[in-house]
Protein backbone atom coordinates (compact mmCIF):
# COMPACT_ATOMS: atom_id res chain seq x y z
CA MET A 1 55.80 13.43 -2.90
CA ASP A 2 54.18 12.10 -6.10
CA THR A 3 55.57 8.49 -5.51
CA GLN A 4 52.20 8.01 -3.68
CA MET A 5 50.58 7.82 -6.98
CA SER A 6 53.33 5.99 -9.08
CA GLY A 7 52.72 2.46 -9.63
CA GLY A 8 49.07 3.02 -8.84
CA ASP A 9 48.96 1.36 -5.41
CA ARG A 10 52.08 2.41 -3.44
CA LEU A 11 51.35 3.77 -0.09
CA ARG A 12 53.18 6.53 1.74
CA LEU A 13 53.62 5.56 5.32
CA VAL A 14 54.71 8.08 8.05
CA ILE A 15 56.04 6.46 11.21
CA LEU A 16 55.86 9.19 13.64
CA ILE A 17 58.45 8.86 16.80
CA GLY A 18 56.06 10.38 19.78
CA SER A 19 58.70 10.76 22.28
CA VAL A 20 61.39 13.60 22.76
CA ARG A 21 63.04 12.15 25.89
CA ASP A 22 66.79 11.18 25.71
CA CYS A 23 67.78 7.49 25.40
CA ARG A 24 64.23 6.83 23.71
CA PHE A 25 63.38 3.44 22.82
CA GLY A 26 60.99 4.81 20.28
CA LEU A 27 63.80 5.68 18.02
CA PRO A 28 65.28 1.98 17.48
CA ALA A 29 61.51 0.90 17.91
CA ALA A 30 60.46 3.18 14.77
CA GLU A 31 63.62 2.07 12.98
CA TRP A 32 62.68 -1.61 13.46
CA LEU A 33 59.37 -1.22 12.13
CA ALA A 34 60.33 0.81 8.90
CA SER A 35 62.77 -1.85 8.23
CA VAL A 36 59.69 -4.22 8.62
CA SER A 37 57.59 -2.29 6.56
CA ARG A 38 60.56 -1.66 3.43
CA LEU A 39 60.84 -5.60 3.30
CA ARG A 40 56.75 -5.42 1.79
CA LYS A 41 55.98 -4.08 -1.52
CA GLY A 42 53.94 -1.11 -1.90
CA PHE A 43 55.03 1.10 0.87
CA ASP A 44 57.03 4.44 0.67
CA ILE A 45 58.30 4.84 4.49
CA ASP A 46 59.17 8.23 5.92
CA VAL A 47 59.88 8.30 9.61
CA ILE A 48 59.29 11.57 11.69
CA ASP A 49 60.78 12.50 14.61
CA LEU A 50 59.59 15.13 16.61
CA THR A 51 62.82 16.10 18.35
CA THR A 52 63.75 17.52 14.99
CA ALA A 53 60.37 19.00 14.09
CA TRP A 54 60.83 21.79 16.63
CA LEU A 55 57.23 22.25 16.90
CA PRO A 56 56.39 25.59 19.23
CA ASP A 57 54.46 24.68 22.35
CA MET A 58 52.35 28.23 22.20
CA MET A 59 49.46 27.91 19.97
CA SER A 60 47.48 31.08 18.61
CA THR A 61 43.77 30.49 17.71
CA ALA A 62 43.70 34.03 16.41
CA PRO A 63 43.29 33.70 12.37
CA SER A 64 45.66 36.53 11.83
CA ALA A 65 48.36 34.50 13.46
CA GLY A 66 49.03 31.97 10.69
CA ARG A 67 51.02 28.60 11.15
CA PRO A 68 54.35 28.91 12.65
CA GLN A 69 57.32 28.02 10.14
CA ALA A 70 58.04 24.47 11.72
CA VAL A 71 54.39 23.79 11.50
CA ARG A 72 54.53 24.64 7.98
CA ASP A 73 57.33 22.44 7.06
CA LEU A 74 56.05 19.71 8.55
CA ALA A 75 52.64 19.93 7.14
CA PRO A 76 53.50 18.44 3.71
CA TRP A 77 55.02 15.45 4.93
CA LEU A 78 51.72 14.70 6.92
CA ALA A 79 49.40 15.80 4.05
CA ALA A 80 51.60 13.42 1.79
CA ALA A 81 50.81 10.10 3.93
CA ASP A 82 48.34 7.70 3.02
CA ALA A 83 48.72 6.06 6.51
CA PHE A 84 50.32 6.40 10.06
CA VAL A 85 52.05 4.52 12.41
CA ILE A 86 52.26 6.35 16.03
CA VAL A 87 55.24 5.30 18.15
CA THR A 88 54.38 5.75 21.53
CA PRO A 89 55.59 5.30 25.17
CA GLU A 90 53.17 5.53 28.24
CA TYR A 91 53.89 8.17 31.08
CA LYS A 92 51.56 8.05 33.94
CA ARG A 93 49.13 6.17 32.17
CA GLY A 94 48.98 8.39 29.39
CA PHE A 95 50.77 9.45 26.15
CA PRO A 96 53.41 12.28 25.65
CA GLY A 97 52.69 15.94 25.59
CA PRO A 98 54.65 16.54 22.18
CA LEU A 99 52.71 13.90 20.69
CA LYS A 100 49.15 15.66 21.61
CA SER A 101 50.89 19.02 20.28
CA VAL A 102 51.53 17.75 16.88
CA ILE A 103 47.99 16.03 16.60
CA ASP A 104 46.63 19.43 17.40
CA TRP A 105 48.46 21.59 15.19
CA TYR A 106 46.99 20.07 12.15
CA ASP A 107 43.59 19.27 10.98
CA GLU A 108 42.99 18.14 7.28
CA GLU A 109 46.51 16.07 7.40
CA TRP A 110 44.75 13.61 9.59
CA ARG A 111 41.60 13.45 8.32
CA ALA A 112 39.79 10.08 6.58
CA LYS A 113 43.29 8.44 7.06
CA PRO A 114 43.98 5.03 8.79
CA VAL A 115 46.56 5.36 12.02
CA ALA A 116 48.13 2.61 13.70
CA PHE A 117 50.49 2.26 17.00
CA LEU A 118 53.51 0.87 18.41
CA SER A 119 53.46 1.15 21.80
CA TYR A 120 55.99 0.21 24.59
CA GLY A 121 55.46 0.54 28.32
CA GLY A 122 55.67 -1.54 31.78
CA ALA A 123 52.83 -3.84 32.85
CA SER A 124 50.34 -2.24 30.49
CA SER A 125 52.65 -2.53 27.37
CA GLY A 126 51.94 1.05 26.55
CA LEU A 127 48.31 0.20 25.66
CA CYS A 128 46.62 2.72 28.21
CA ALA A 129 48.65 5.52 26.05
CA VAL A 130 46.90 3.63 22.88
CA ALA A 131 43.46 3.71 24.31
CA GLN A 132 43.76 7.58 24.93
CA LEU A 133 45.20 8.18 21.53
CA ARG A 134 42.19 6.32 19.93
CA GLN A 135 39.75 9.03 21.31
CA VAL A 136 42.14 11.95 20.25
CA PHE A 137 42.42 10.71 16.65
CA ALA A 138 38.57 10.16 16.29
CA GLU A 139 38.12 13.84 17.21
CA ALA A 140 40.62 14.36 14.33
CA HIS A 141 38.53 12.32 11.84
CA ALA A 142 41.07 9.49 11.57
CA VAL A 143 40.31 5.79 11.53
CA THR A 144 42.30 3.84 14.06
CA VAL A 145 43.10 0.40 13.34
CA SER A 146 42.44 -2.30 15.83
CA GLU A 147 45.84 -4.41 15.60
CA THR A 148 48.74 -2.94 17.36
CA VAL A 149 52.47 -3.87 18.02
CA SER A 150 53.15 -3.71 21.85
CA PHE A 151 56.14 -4.08 23.77
CA HIS A 152 55.70 -5.37 27.62
CA GLN A 153 58.29 -4.43 30.22
CA TYR A 154 60.85 -3.19 27.32
CA LEU A 155 63.22 -1.93 30.16
CA ALA A 156 63.63 -5.32 31.94
CA ARG A 157 64.17 -7.14 28.67
CA LEU A 158 66.68 -4.38 27.46
CA GLU A 159 68.70 -4.51 30.72
CA ALA A 160 68.62 -8.29 30.24
CA GLY A 161 70.38 -7.63 27.16
CA SER A 162 67.79 -8.70 24.39
CA LEU A 163 66.11 -6.54 22.34
CA PRO A 164 62.27 -7.08 22.37
CA PHE A 165 62.09 -7.02 18.38
CA ASP A 166 64.09 -10.11 18.41
CA ASP A 167 61.17 -12.61 18.45
CA GLU A 168 58.50 -13.79 15.77
CA ALA A 169 55.61 -12.42 17.74
CA ALA A 170 56.74 -8.88 17.31
CA ARG A 171 57.58 -9.54 13.56
CA GLU A 172 53.95 -11.12 13.14
CA ALA A 173 52.19 -8.38 15.01
CA ALA A 174 53.82 -6.24 12.75
CA ARG A 175 52.83 -7.92 9.70
CA LEU A 176 49.21 -8.10 10.83
CA MET A 177 49.20 -4.61 11.65
CA LEU A 178 50.41 -3.38 8.13
CA ASP A 179 48.27 -5.70 6.43
CA ARG A 180 45.33 -4.00 7.92
CA LEU A 181 46.96 -0.52 7.56
CA GLY A 182 47.44 -1.20 4.21
CA TRP A 183 43.71 -2.44 3.55
CA TRP A 184 42.40 1.04 5.14
CA ALA A 185 44.93 3.05 3.38
CA ARG A 186 43.64 1.88 -0.09
CA ALA A 187 40.25 2.05 0.66
CA LEU A 188 40.13 5.60 2.25
CA ARG A 189 42.46 7.00 -0.46
CA ARG A 190 39.75 5.70 -3.01
CA ALA A 191 37.11 7.28 -1.20
CA ARG A 192 38.85 10.26 -0.46
CA SER A 193 39.36 10.65 -4.34
CA LEU A 194 35.73 10.05 -5.08
CA GLU A 195 34.48 12.24 -2.67
CA PRO A 196 36.51 14.80 -0.28
CA TYR A 197 36.21 14.40 3.34
CA ALA A 198 34.22 17.11 5.10
CA PRO A 199 33.78 16.97 8.83
CA GLY A 200 30.73 18.49 10.26
CA GLU A 201 30.80 21.67 12.48
CA HIS A 202 31.70 20.61 16.04
CA HIS A 203 29.95 22.17 19.07
CA HIS A 204 31.97 22.11 22.17
């Protein structure tokens, strides 16, 4: 976990796969983005798959309940991150339930850190899901970047025998997103080191 500080400017990037369905496009999409990210200097990459995180669906708000073991196990990986990319599909104009669950289980792990999105879907390319996630992450006190990677009508392209990653537009979108993510990650890490981020009280 100390690698984020070695070399002075190395950033730990967590790529989080938000779908738990069988035959997910999110898995190869995350692996592709990880390979693109590893070609760049300054990034250390962790890919986290929610299918292996085993986060519980039931959540107790009682202070005595504490965090379940699976939640405690994942916490250090999120806490060590300087930046996140959320890989999300779009289901019925929204994002997957397990993705909301992982956001809700954690608080300080997200705060004052940048979040980018890789989305995929049909006509909307998954961007309706991303729009909703921006609102959710704003409440988590994270900073979402405007640059995204999105794959339009990915199923039709897969059925036609082509991978959506195999074009320069996708690689360029990833480069632009990672550039912006790196800028925010460095800026926010410096800010957190100077002054701890303390969100105000929420009144629901």
